[in-house]
C-alpha cells in the first residue's frame, strides 16, 4: 500500500515537472514571437516616421518657402541678380543705377514662389521669363527717354539682345538645380507617400493591438511595446546622426551663396524633424516602461 502511494506521488511529480517544462517551452516560444512583433513594430515606426517627415518637408511647398525665408534666400537672390545685371549693363553702355533700380523694383520673391509652386502643381518647371522681359523692356524704354536716346532699329536690336542676355541671367538665379532634379517626382510621388503613410499607421496600430490583446499579463504588453518604441527611436536617430557626423552637407560644392545656404538649411532642418520623431517615441517608450514597472510589481506581489 505504501509502495503504491510512493509510486503515485512519483508519477504526480513527474507530471508536474513535465508540465513545467512544457510551460517553460511555451513561454519561451511566446517570448520569441513577441520579440519578433516588437521588431516589426520598430520597423514600421521607423518607416512611418520617414513618410511623415517627407510629407512635412520634401513634399510640402510651405516647408520650402519657409526655409527660403529663414535662410534669407530672397534677398541673396536679389543681390546676386543685381550684381550680375550691373556687370551686364556696364558692358552694354547703361549706367550702373539702371540695374540697381530695376532689380530693386522687380519682385524676386513672387518669381521664386511661382517657380516653386510649379513643382507642386504639376505645371511646367521652367522659369517664366515673360513678365521679367516685359518689365525690363519698359524700364529700358523709360531709361532711353530719360537719357534722350533715340530707339533706332539698330538700337532696338541691341536692346533685344540685352534683354535676352538678362533673361538668361534671371533664369540662372531663379532656378534651383537640385530641386529641378527631384521636382518632376514631387507631384506623382506625393499620393504614393500618403497611401504608404496611412498603411504604415494602420499596420502600427494592428501590431500594438496584437501585442496588447494576445498577452495575458499587462506588464508584458507594455514591455514589448516599449521594445518596439525604443527600436524605432534608435533606427530613426541613426540615419540623420550618421549623415551629420560625416559632415556631408556643408561639404557640398554649390557655386552661388544663396543656393548653398538654402541647401544646407533645407537638409539640416529636415534632419531636425527626425529628432522630433525620436523624441516622441522616447517619451512614449518611457510611459510604457513606467506602466510596465507598475504592473510588474503588482504581478510579483500577487
C-alpha atoms as a PDB file:
ATOM      1  CA  UNK A   1       0.000   0.000   0.000  1.00  0.00           C
ATOM      2  CA  UNK A   2       2.768   2.379   0.948  1.00  0.00           C
ATOM      3  CA  UNK A   3       4.672   1.438  -2.194  1.00  0.00           C
ATOM      4  CA  UNK A   4       1.591   2.318  -4.294  1.00  0.00           C
ATOM      5  CA  UNK A   5       1.338   5.731  -2.641  1.00  0.00           C
ATOM      6  CA  UNK A   6       5.024   6.409  -3.232  1.00  0.00           C
ATOM      7  CA  UNK A   7       4.678   5.359  -6.856  1.00  0.00           C
ATOM      8  CA  UNK A   8       1.600   7.590  -7.256  1.00  0.00           C
ATOM      9  CA  UNK A   9       3.458  10.578  -5.783  1.00  0.00           C
ATOM     10  CA  UNK A  10       6.381   9.947  -8.150  1.00  0.00           C
ATOM     11  CA  UNK A  11       4.004   9.921 -11.094  1.00  0.00           C
ATOM     12  CA  UNK A  12       2.413  13.185  -9.941  1.00  0.00           C
ATOM     13  CA  UNK A  13       5.821  14.808  -9.506  1.00  0.00           C
ATOM     14  CA  UNK A  14       6.847  13.580 -12.945  1.00  0.00           C
ATOM     15  CA  UNK A  15       3.698  15.079 -14.422  1.00  0.00           C
ATOM     16  CA  UNK A  16       4.343  18.410 -12.661  1.00  0.00           C
ATOM     17  CA  UNK A  17       7.899  18.514 -13.990  1.00  0.00           C
ATOM     18  CA  UNK A  18       6.660  17.691 -17.467  1.00  0.00           C
ATOM     19  CA  UNK A  19       4.051  20.439 -17.171  1.00  0.00           C
ATOM     20  CA  UNK A  20       6.678  22.954 -16.004  1.00  0.00           C
ATOM     21  CA  UNK A  21       8.998  22.045 -18.877  1.00  0.00           C
ATOM     22  CA  UNK A  22       6.123  22.315 -21.334  1.00  0.00           C
ATOM     23  CA  UNK A  23       5.061  25.649 -19.830  1.00  0.00           C
ATOM     24  CA  UNK A  24       8.639  26.920 -19.940  1.00  0.00           C
ATOM     25  CA  UNK A  25       8.995  25.943 -23.617  1.00  0.00           C
ATOM     26  CA  UNK A  26       5.655  27.529 -24.437  1.00  0.00           C
ATOM     27  CA  UNK A  27       6.553  30.703 -22.523  1.00  0.00           C
ATOM     28  CA  UNK A  28       9.940  30.877 -24.273  1.00  0.00           C
ATOM     29  CA  UNK A  29       8.288  30.431 -27.670  1.00  0.00           C
ATOM     30  CA  UNK A  30       5.772  33.189 -26.920  1.00  0.00           C
ATOM     31  CA  UNK A  31       8.607  35.489 -25.854  1.00  0.00           C
ATOM     32  CA  UNK A  32      10.337  34.927 -29.186  1.00  0.00           C
ATOM     33  CA  UNK A  33       7.084  35.639 -31.049  1.00  0.00           C
ATOM     34  CA  UNK A  34       6.524  38.891 -29.155  1.00  0.00           C
ATOM     35  CA  UNK A  35      10.141  39.945 -29.697  1.00  0.00           C
ATOM     36  CA  UNK A  36       9.607  39.437 -33.427  1.00  0.00           C
ATOM     37  CA  UNK A  37       6.427  41.518 -33.218  1.00  0.00           C
ATOM     38  CA  UNK A  38       8.390  44.222 -31.378  1.00  0.00           C
ATOM     39  CA  UNK A  39      10.982  44.177 -34.149  1.00  0.00           C
ATOM     40  CA  UNK A  40       8.319  44.680 -36.822  1.00  0.00           C
ATOM     41  CA  UNK A  41       6.760  47.415 -34.695  1.00  0.00           C
ATOM     42  CA  UNK A  42      10.094  49.254 -34.551  1.00  0.00           C
ATOM     43  CA  UNK A  43      10.499  48.844 -38.328  1.00  0.00           C
ATOM     44  CA  UNK A  44       7.025  50.192 -39.104  1.00  0.00           C
ATOM     45  CA  UNK A  45       7.577  53.120 -36.723  1.00  0.00           C
ATOM     46  CA  UNK A  46      10.850  53.932 -38.498  1.00  0.00           C
ATOM     47  CA  UNK A  47       9.262  53.782 -41.953  1.00  0.00           C
ATOM     48  CA  UNK A  48       6.204  55.701 -40.772  1.00  0.00           C
ATOM     49  CA  UNK A  49       8.486  58.428 -39.371  1.00  0.00           C
ATOM     50  CA  UNK A  50      10.283  58.747 -42.705  1.00  0.00           C
ATOM     51  CA  UNK A  51       6.982  59.029 -44.602  1.00  0.00           C
ATOM     52  CA  UNK A  52       5.635  61.664 -42.226  1.00  0.00           C
ATOM     53  CA  UNK A  53       8.886  63.650 -42.405  1.00  0.00           C
ATOM     54  CA  UNK A  54       8.782  63.547 -46.204  1.00  0.00           C
ATOM     55  CA  UNK A  55       5.182  64.759 -46.140  1.00  0.00           C
ATOM     56  CA  UNK A  56       6.065  67.720 -43.929  1.00  0.00           C
ATOM     57  CA  UNK A  57       9.298  68.617 -45.743  1.00  0.00           C
ATOM     58  CA  UNK A  58      10.179  67.374 -49.220  1.00  0.00           C
ATOM     59  CA  UNK A  59       6.549  67.149 -50.379  1.00  0.00           C
ATOM     60  CA  UNK A  60       5.495  70.432 -48.760  1.00  0.00           C
ATOM     61  CA  UNK A  61       5.636  73.714 -50.667  1.00  0.00           C
ATOM     62  CA  UNK A  62       5.272  75.609 -47.386  1.00  0.00           C
ATOM     63  CA  UNK A  63       8.385  73.931 -45.990  1.00  0.00           C
ATOM     64  CA  UNK A  64      10.456  75.047 -48.991  1.00  0.00           C
ATOM     65  CA  UNK A  65       9.147  78.612 -48.818  1.00  0.00           C
ATOM     66  CA  UNK A  66       9.638  78.808 -45.034  1.00  0.00           C
ATOM     67  CA  UNK A  67      13.216  77.573 -45.459  1.00  0.00           C
ATOM     68  CA  UNK A  68      13.847  80.233 -48.091  1.00  0.00           C
ATOM     69  CA  UNK A  69      12.544  82.942 -45.771  1.00  0.00           C
ATOM     70  CA  UNK A  70      14.526  81.711 -42.767  1.00  0.00           C
ATOM     71  CA  UNK A  71      17.745  81.486 -44.796  1.00  0.00           C
ATOM     72  CA  UNK A  72      17.322  84.952 -46.330  1.00  0.00           C
ATOM     73  CA  UNK A  73      17.214  83.343 -49.769  1.00  0.00           C
ATOM     74  CA  UNK A  74      15.109  86.015 -51.486  1.00  0.00           C
ATOM     75  CA  UNK A  75      17.426  88.855 -50.531  1.00  0.00           C
ATOM     76  CA  UNK A  76      20.517  86.900 -51.559  1.00  0.00           C
ATOM     77  CA  UNK A  77      18.990  86.043 -54.956  1.00  0.00           C
ATOM     78  CA  UNK A  78      18.078  89.691 -55.493  1.00  0.00           C
ATOM     79  CA  UNK A  79      21.607  90.788 -54.581  1.00  0.00           C
ATOM     80  CA  UNK A  80      23.214  88.207 -56.882  1.00  0.00           C
ATOM     81  CA  UNK A  81      20.823  89.119 -59.715  1.00  0.00           C
ATOM     82  CA  UNK A  82      21.618  92.775 -59.191  1.00  0.00           C
ATOM     83  CA  UNK A  83      25.388  92.129 -59.231  1.00  0.00           C
ATOM     84  CA  UNK A  84      25.218  90.197 -62.492  1.00  0.00           C
ATOM     85  CA  UNK A  85      22.883  92.765 -64.030  1.00  0.00           C
ATOM     86  CA  UNK A  86      25.346  95.546 -63.125  1.00  0.00           C
ATOM     87  CA  UNK A  87      28.090  93.692 -64.979  1.00  0.00           C
ATOM     88  CA  UNK A  88      25.785  93.295 -67.978  1.00  0.00           C
ATOM     89  CA  UNK A  89      24.695  96.949 -68.131  1.00  0.00           C
ATOM     90  CA  UNK A  90      28.313  98.079 -67.803  1.00  0.00           C
ATOM     91  CA  UNK A  91      29.161  96.027 -70.884  1.00  0.00           C
ATOM     92  CA  UNK A  92      26.075  97.357 -72.681  1.00  0.00           C
ATOM     93  CA  UNK A  93      26.686 101.041 -72.057  1.00  0.00           C
ATOM     94  CA  UNK A  94      23.967 101.617 -69.443  1.00  0.00           C
ATOM     95  CA  UNK A  95      24.573 103.459 -66.224  1.00  0.00           C
ATOM     96  CA  UNK A  96      25.022 101.330 -63.107  1.00  0.00           C
ATOM     97  CA  UNK A  97      21.943 102.889 -61.484  1.00  0.00           C
ATOM     98  CA  UNK A  98      19.734 101.329 -64.159  1.00  0.00           C
ATOM     99  CA  UNK A  99      20.480  97.777 -62.951  1.00  0.00           C
ATOM    100  CA  UNK A 100      20.152  98.774 -59.290  1.00  0.00           C
ATOM    101  CA  UNK A 101      16.797 100.499 -59.773  1.00  0.00           C
ATOM    102  CA  UNK A 102      15.370  97.728 -61.926  1.00  0.00           C
ATOM    103  CA  UNK A 103      16.307  94.817 -59.655  1.00  0.00           C
ATOM    104  CA  UNK A 104      15.077  96.712 -56.586  1.00  0.00           C
ATOM    105  CA  UNK A 105      11.690  97.235 -58.199  1.00  0.00           C
ATOM    106  CA  UNK A 106      11.345  93.713 -59.563  1.00  0.00           C
ATOM    107  CA  UNK A 107       9.543  91.281 -57.228  1.00  0.00           C
ATOM    108  CA  UNK A 108      12.051  88.439 -56.932  1.00  0.00           C
ATOM    109  CA  UNK A 109      10.063  86.756 -54.148  1.00  0.00           C
ATOM    110  CA  UNK A 110       6.984  86.360 -56.345  1.00  0.00           C
ATOM    111  CA  UNK A 111       9.095  84.979 -59.189  1.00  0.00           C
ATOM    112  CA  UNK A 112      10.744  82.406 -56.909  1.00  0.00           C
ATOM    113  CA  UNK A 113       7.429  81.435 -55.271  1.00  0.00           C
ATOM    114  CA  UNK A 114       5.788  80.942 -58.675  1.00  0.00           C
ATOM    115  CA  UNK A 115       8.718  78.810 -59.763  1.00  0.00           C
ATOM    116  CA  UNK A 116       8.478  76.669 -56.607  1.00  0.00           C
ATOM    117  CA  UNK A 117       4.689  76.353 -56.911  1.00  0.00           C
ATOM    118  CA  UNK A 118       5.046  74.864 -60.392  1.00  0.00           C
ATOM    119  CA  UNK A 119       6.814  71.805 -58.960  1.00  0.00           C
ATOM    120  CA  UNK A 120       3.971  71.026 -56.567  1.00  0.00           C
ATOM    121  CA  UNK A 121       1.125  71.594 -59.040  1.00  0.00           C
ATOM    122  CA  UNK A 122       2.474  69.505 -61.939  1.00  0.00           C
ATOM    123  CA  UNK A 123       2.871  72.603 -64.129  1.00  0.00           C
ATOM    124  CA  UNK A 124       5.846  73.481 -66.309  1.00  0.00           C
ATOM    125  CA  UNK A 125       9.003  73.588 -64.209  1.00  0.00           C
ATOM    126  CA  UNK A 126      10.685  76.131 -66.479  1.00  0.00           C
ATOM    127  CA  UNK A 127      11.342  79.615 -65.136  1.00  0.00           C
ATOM    128  CA  UNK A 128       8.758  82.020 -66.543  1.00  0.00           C
ATOM    129  CA  UNK A 129      10.587  84.950 -68.179  1.00  0.00           C
ATOM    130  CA  UNK A 130       7.716  86.738 -69.929  1.00  0.00           C
ATOM    131  CA  UNK A 131       6.924  89.154 -67.112  1.00  0.00           C
ATOM    132  CA  UNK A 132      10.627  89.794 -66.499  1.00  0.00           C
ATOM    133  CA  UNK A 133      11.297  90.619 -70.169  1.00  0.00           C
ATOM    134  CA  UNK A 134       8.256  92.885 -70.437  1.00  0.00           C
ATOM    135  CA  UNK A 135       9.142  94.798 -67.299  1.00  0.00           C
ATOM    136  CA  UNK A 136      12.787  95.080 -68.364  1.00  0.00           C
ATOM    137  CA  UNK A 137      11.789  96.309 -71.821  1.00  0.00           C
ATOM    138  CA  UNK A 138       9.604  99.017 -70.298  1.00  0.00           C
ATOM    139  CA  UNK A 139      12.486 100.005 -67.998  1.00  0.00           C
ATOM    140  CA  UNK A 140      14.862 100.256 -70.985  1.00  0.00           C
ATOM    141  CA  UNK A 141      12.376 102.443 -72.890  1.00  0.00           C
ATOM    142  CA  UNK A 142      11.998 104.704 -69.864  1.00  0.00           C
ATOM    143  CA  UNK A 143      15.779 104.875 -69.487  1.00  0.00           C
ATOM    144  CA  UNK A 144      16.183 105.821 -73.153  1.00  0.00           C
ATOM    145  CA  UNK A 145      13.541 108.525 -72.763  1.00  0.00           C
ATOM    146  CA  UNK A 146      15.227 109.961 -69.644  1.00  0.00           C
ATOM    147  CA  UNK A 147      18.633 109.902 -71.358  1.00  0.00           C
ATOM    148  CA  UNK A 148      17.270 111.267 -74.640  1.00  0.00           C
ATOM    149  CA  UNK A 149      18.379 108.182 -76.560  1.00  0.00           C
ATOM    150  CA  UNK A 150      16.661 107.563 -79.872  1.00  0.00           C
ATOM    151  CA  UNK A 151      15.448 103.984 -80.375  1.00  0.00           C
ATOM    152  CA  UNK A 152      16.652 103.256 -83.899  1.00  0.00           C
ATOM    153  CA  UNK A 153      16.283  99.785 -85.493  1.00  0.00           C
ATOM    154  CA  UNK A 154      19.926  99.114 -84.658  1.00  0.00           C
ATOM    155  CA  UNK A 155      19.404 100.194 -81.031  1.00  0.00           C
ATOM    156  CA  UNK A 156      16.236  98.099 -80.915  1.00  0.00           C
ATOM    157  CA  UNK A 157      18.227  95.021 -81.946  1.00  0.00           C
ATOM    158  CA  UNK A 158      20.795  95.751 -79.244  1.00  0.00           C
ATOM    159  CA  UNK A 159      18.018  96.161 -76.692  1.00  0.00           C
ATOM    160  CA  UNK A 160      16.501  92.786 -77.629  1.00  0.00           C
ATOM    161  CA  UNK A 161      19.924  91.156 -77.333  1.00  0.00           C
ATOM    162  CA  UNK A 162      20.435  92.822 -73.944  1.00  0.00           C
ATOM    163  CA  UNK A 163      17.032  91.655 -72.700  1.00  0.00           C
ATOM    164  CA  UNK A 164      17.692  88.071 -73.800  1.00  0.00           C
ATOM    165  CA  UNK A 165      21.063  88.057 -72.035  1.00  0.00           C
ATOM    166  CA  UNK A 166      19.443  89.498 -68.903  1.00  0.00           C
ATOM    167  CA  UNK A 167      16.733  86.822 -69.112  1.00  0.00           C
ATOM    168  CA  UNK A 168      19.405  84.096 -69.167  1.00  0.00           C
ATOM    169  CA  UNK A 169      20.931  85.565 -66.003  1.00  0.00           C
ATOM    170  CA  UNK A 170      17.456  85.743 -64.474  1.00  0.00           C
ATOM    171  CA  UNK A 171      16.792  82.057 -65.221  1.00  0.00           C
ATOM    172  CA  UNK A 172      20.119  81.064 -63.640  1.00  0.00           C
ATOM    173  CA  UNK A 173      19.295  82.978 -60.467  1.00  0.00           C
ATOM    174  CA  UNK A 174      15.677  81.892 -60.058  1.00  0.00           C
ATOM    175  CA  UNK A 175      16.114  78.209 -60.927  1.00  0.00           C
ATOM    176  CA  UNK A 176      17.300  75.677 -58.341  1.00  0.00           C
ATOM    177  CA  UNK A 177      19.381  72.871 -59.916  1.00  0.00           C
ATOM    178  CA  UNK A 178      18.988  70.137 -57.271  1.00  0.00           C
ATOM    179  CA  UNK A 179      15.307  70.968 -56.890  1.00  0.00           C
ATOM    180  CA  UNK A 180      14.785  70.655 -60.633  1.00  0.00           C
ATOM    181  CA  UNK A 181      16.075  67.077 -60.480  1.00  0.00           C
ATOM    182  CA  UNK A 182      13.548  65.897 -57.897  1.00  0.00           C
ATOM    183  CA  UNK A 183      10.789  68.323 -58.819  1.00  0.00           C
ATOM    184  CA  UNK A 184       9.294  66.115 -61.536  1.00  0.00           C
ATOM    185  CA  UNK A 185       8.751  63.348 -58.963  1.00  0.00           C
ATOM    186  CA  UNK A 186       7.114  65.506 -56.290  1.00  0.00           C
ATOM    187  CA  UNK A 187       3.634  65.617 -57.747  1.00  0.00           C
ATOM    188  CA  UNK A 188       3.482  61.966 -58.837  1.00  0.00           C
ATOM    189  CA  UNK A 189       5.005  60.565 -55.647  1.00  0.00           C
ATOM    190  CA  UNK A 190       3.020  62.619 -53.112  1.00  0.00           C
ATOM    191  CA  UNK A 191      -0.110  60.442 -53.388  1.00  0.00           C
ATOM    192  CA  UNK A 192       2.005  57.297 -53.037  1.00  0.00           C
ATOM    193  CA  UNK A 193       3.611  58.648 -49.876  1.00  0.00           C
ATOM    194  CA  UNK A 194       0.181  59.476 -48.427  1.00  0.00           C
ATOM    195  CA  UNK A 195      -1.075  55.933 -49.108  1.00  0.00           C
ATOM    196  CA  UNK A 196       2.110  54.449 -47.655  1.00  0.00           C
ATOM    197  CA  UNK A 197       1.830  56.646 -44.546  1.00  0.00           C
ATOM    198  CA  UNK A 198      -1.772  55.561 -43.962  1.00  0.00           C
ATOM    199  CA  UNK A 199      -0.862  51.888 -44.491  1.00  0.00           C
ATOM    200  CA  UNK A 200       2.047  52.064 -42.042  1.00  0.00           C
ATOM    201  CA  UNK A 201      -0.113  53.849 -39.475  1.00  0.00           C
ATOM    202  CA  UNK A 202      -2.736  51.086 -39.713  1.00  0.00           C
ATOM    203  CA  UNK A 203      -0.042  48.393 -39.522  1.00  0.00           C
ATOM    204  CA  UNK A 204       1.417  50.041 -36.419  1.00  0.00           C
ATOM    205  CA  UNK A 205      -1.992  50.037 -34.723  1.00  0.00           C
ATOM    206  CA  UNK A 206      -2.521  46.374 -35.681  1.00  0.00           C
ATOM    207  CA  UNK A 207       0.844  45.349 -34.211  1.00  0.00           C
ATOM    208  CA  UNK A 208       0.151  47.234 -30.984  1.00  0.00           C
ATOM    209  CA  UNK A 209      -3.285  45.597 -30.736  1.00  0.00           C
ATOM    210  CA  UNK A 210      -1.823  42.113 -31.311  1.00  0.00           C
ATOM    211  CA  UNK A 211       0.797  42.650 -28.604  1.00  0.00           C
ATOM    212  CA  UNK A 212      -1.790  44.101 -26.223  1.00  0.00           C
ATOM    213  CA  UNK A 213      -4.778  41.782 -26.638  1.00  0.00           C
ATOM    214  CA  UNK A 214      -2.976  38.467 -27.099  1.00  0.00           C
ATOM    215  CA  UNK A 215      -0.832  38.883 -23.997  1.00  0.00           C
ATOM    216  CA  UNK A 216      -2.317  37.635 -20.752  1.00  0.00           C
ATOM    217  CA  UNK A 217      -0.191  39.815 -18.498  1.00  0.00           C
ATOM    218  CA  UNK A 218      -0.362  43.594 -18.746  1.00  0.00           C
ATOM    219  CA  UNK A 219       3.249  44.176 -17.767  1.00  0.00           C
ATOM    220  CA  UNK A 220       4.412  42.105 -20.749  1.00  0.00           C
ATOM    221  CA  UNK A 221       2.207  44.122 -23.100  1.00  0.00           C
ATOM    222  CA  UNK A 222       3.907  47.343 -22.077  1.00  0.00           C
ATOM    223  CA  UNK A 223       7.350  45.717 -22.151  1.00  0.00           C
ATOM    224  CA  UNK A 224       7.126  44.571 -25.780  1.00  0.00           C
ATOM    225  CA  UNK A 225       5.547  47.852 -26.924  1.00  0.00           C
ATOM    226  CA  UNK A 226       8.407  49.622 -25.153  1.00  0.00           C
ATOM    227  CA  UNK A 227      10.887  47.433 -27.059  1.00  0.00           C
ATOM    228  CA  UNK A 228       9.273  48.443 -30.352  1.00  0.00           C
ATOM    229  CA  UNK A 229       9.335  52.148 -29.483  1.00  0.00           C
ATOM    230  CA  UNK A 230      12.991  52.020 -28.413  1.00  0.00           C
ATOM    231  CA  UNK A 231      13.922  50.158 -31.623  1.00  0.00           C
ATOM    232  CA  UNK A 232      12.045  52.690 -33.738  1.00  0.00           C
ATOM    233  CA  UNK A 233      13.698  55.600 -31.921  1.00  0.00           C
ATOM    234  CA  UNK A 234      17.186  54.125 -32.342  1.00  0.00           C
ATOM    235  CA  UNK A 235      16.814  53.472 -36.074  1.00  0.00           C
ATOM    236  CA  UNK A 236      15.261  56.888 -36.675  1.00  0.00           C
ATOM    237  CA  UNK A 237      18.066  58.514 -34.673  1.00  0.00           C
ATOM    238  CA  UNK A 238      20.821  56.680 -36.562  1.00  0.00           C
ATOM    239  CA  UNK A 239      20.049  57.958 -40.077  1.00  0.00           C
ATOM    240  CA  UNK A 240      20.400  61.753 -39.572  1.00  0.00           C
ATOM    241  CA  UNK A 241      23.153  61.324 -36.985  1.00  0.00           C
ATOM    242  CA  UNK A 242      25.282  59.334 -39.436  1.00  0.00           C
ATOM    243  CA  UNK A 243      24.890  61.985 -42.152  1.00  0.00           C
ATOM    244  CA  UNK A 244      25.531  64.907 -39.795  1.00  0.00           C
ATOM    245  CA  UNK A 245      28.525  63.235 -38.133  1.00  0.00           C
ATOM    246  CA  UNK A 246      30.151  62.723 -41.545  1.00  0.00           C
ATOM    247  CA  UNK A 247      29.691  66.471 -42.184  1.00  0.00           C
ATOM    248  CA  UNK A 248      28.486  65.731 -45.702  1.00  0.00           C
ATOM    249  CA  UNK A 249      26.013  68.600 -46.081  1.00  0.00           C
ATOM    250  CA  UNK A 250      28.416  71.577 -45.596  1.00  0.00           C
ATOM    251  CA  UNK A 251      30.906  69.971 -47.990  1.00  0.00           C
ATOM    252  CA  UNK A 252      28.526  70.133 -50.954  1.00  0.00           C
ATOM    253  CA  UNK A 253      30.010  72.205 -53.762  1.00  0.00           C
ATOM    254  CA  UNK A 254      27.425  74.776 -54.924  1.00  0.00           C
ATOM    255  CA  UNK A 255      28.509  77.841 -56.850  1.00  0.00           C
ATOM    256  CA  UNK A 256      26.163  80.561 -55.545  1.00  0.00           C
ATOM    257  CA  UNK A 257      25.987  81.620 -51.915  1.00  0.00           C
ATOM    258  CA  UNK A 258      22.181  81.738 -51.971  1.00  0.00           C
ATOM    259  CA  UNK A 259      21.821  78.141 -53.188  1.00  0.00           C
ATOM    260  CA  UNK A 260      24.460  76.881 -50.756  1.00  0.00           C
ATOM    261  CA  UNK A 261      22.677  78.442 -47.756  1.00  0.00           C
ATOM    262  CA  UNK A 262      19.339  77.126 -48.996  1.00  0.00           C
ATOM    263  CA  UNK A 263      20.713  73.599 -49.483  1.00  0.00           C
ATOM    264  CA  UNK A 264      22.351  73.452 -46.037  1.00  0.00           C
ATOM    265  CA  UNK A 265      19.362  74.984 -44.260  1.00  0.00           C
ATOM    266  CA  UNK A 266      16.918  72.731 -46.121  1.00  0.00           C
ATOM    267  CA  UNK A 267      18.576  69.460 -45.136  1.00  0.00           C
ATOM    268  CA  UNK A 268      19.621  70.475 -41.632  1.00  0.00           C
ATOM    269  CA  UNK A 269      16.028  71.388 -40.795  1.00  0.00           C
ATOM    270  CA  UNK A 270      14.837  68.168 -42.428  1.00  0.00           C
ATOM    271  CA  UNK A 271      17.124  66.176 -40.115  1.00  0.00           C
ATOM    272  CA  UNK A 272      15.770  68.021 -37.083  1.00  0.00           C
ATOM    273  CA  UNK A 273      12.356  66.557 -37.931  1.00  0.00           C
ATOM    274  CA  UNK A 274      13.911  63.127 -37.448  1.00  0.00           C
ATOM    275  CA  UNK A 275      14.963  64.113 -33.927  1.00  0.00           C
ATOM    276  CA  UNK A 276      11.438  65.351 -33.182  1.00  0.00           C
ATOM    277  CA  UNK A 277      10.109  61.903 -34.121  1.00  0.00           C
ATOM    278  CA  UNK A 278      12.804  60.300 -31.961  1.00  0.00           C
ATOM    279  CA  UNK A 279      11.799  62.485 -29.006  1.00  0.00           C
ATOM    280  CA  UNK A 280       8.123  61.497 -29.401  1.00  0.00           C
ATOM    281  CA  UNK A 281       8.988  57.777 -29.482  1.00  0.00           C
ATOM    282  CA  UNK A 282      11.308  58.107 -26.476  1.00  0.00           C
ATOM    283  CA  UNK A 283       8.563  59.808 -24.447  1.00  0.00           C
ATOM    284  CA  UNK A 284       6.089  57.061 -25.379  1.00  0.00           C
ATOM    285  CA  UNK A 285       8.702  54.414 -24.531  1.00  0.00           C
ATOM    286  CA  UNK A 286       9.242  55.967 -21.086  1.00  0.00           C
ATOM    287  CA  UNK A 287       5.484  55.994 -20.460  1.00  0.00           C
ATOM    288  CA  UNK A 288       5.237  52.328 -21.444  1.00  0.00           C
ATOM    289  CA  UNK A 289       8.243  51.469 -19.256  1.00  0.00           C
ATOM    290  CA  UNK A 290       6.616  53.164 -16.258  1.00  0.00           C
ATOM    291  CA  UNK A 291       3.419  51.192 -16.887  1.00  0.00           C
ATOM    292  CA  UNK A 292       5.474  48.010 -17.236  1.00  0.00           C
ATOM    293  CA  UNK A 293       7.144  48.567 -13.841  1.00  0.00           C
ATOM    294  CA  UNK A 294       3.794  49.343 -12.233  1.00  0.00           C
ATOM    295  CA  UNK A 295       2.049  46.185 -13.459  1.00  0.00           C
ATOM    296  CA  UNK A 296       5.144  44.022 -12.977  1.00  0.00           C
ATOM    297  CA  UNK A 297       5.222  44.952  -9.294  1.00  0.00           C
ATOM    298  CA  UNK A 298       1.558  44.027  -8.994  1.00  0.00           C
ATOM    299  CA  UNK A 299       2.262  40.733 -10.757  1.00  0.00           C
ATOM    300  CA  UNK A 300       5.123  39.935  -8.372  1.00  0.00           C
ATOM    301  CA  UNK A 301       3.146  40.807  -5.280  1.00  0.00           C
ATOM    302  CA  UNK A 302       0.050  38.843  -6.363  1.00  0.00           C
END
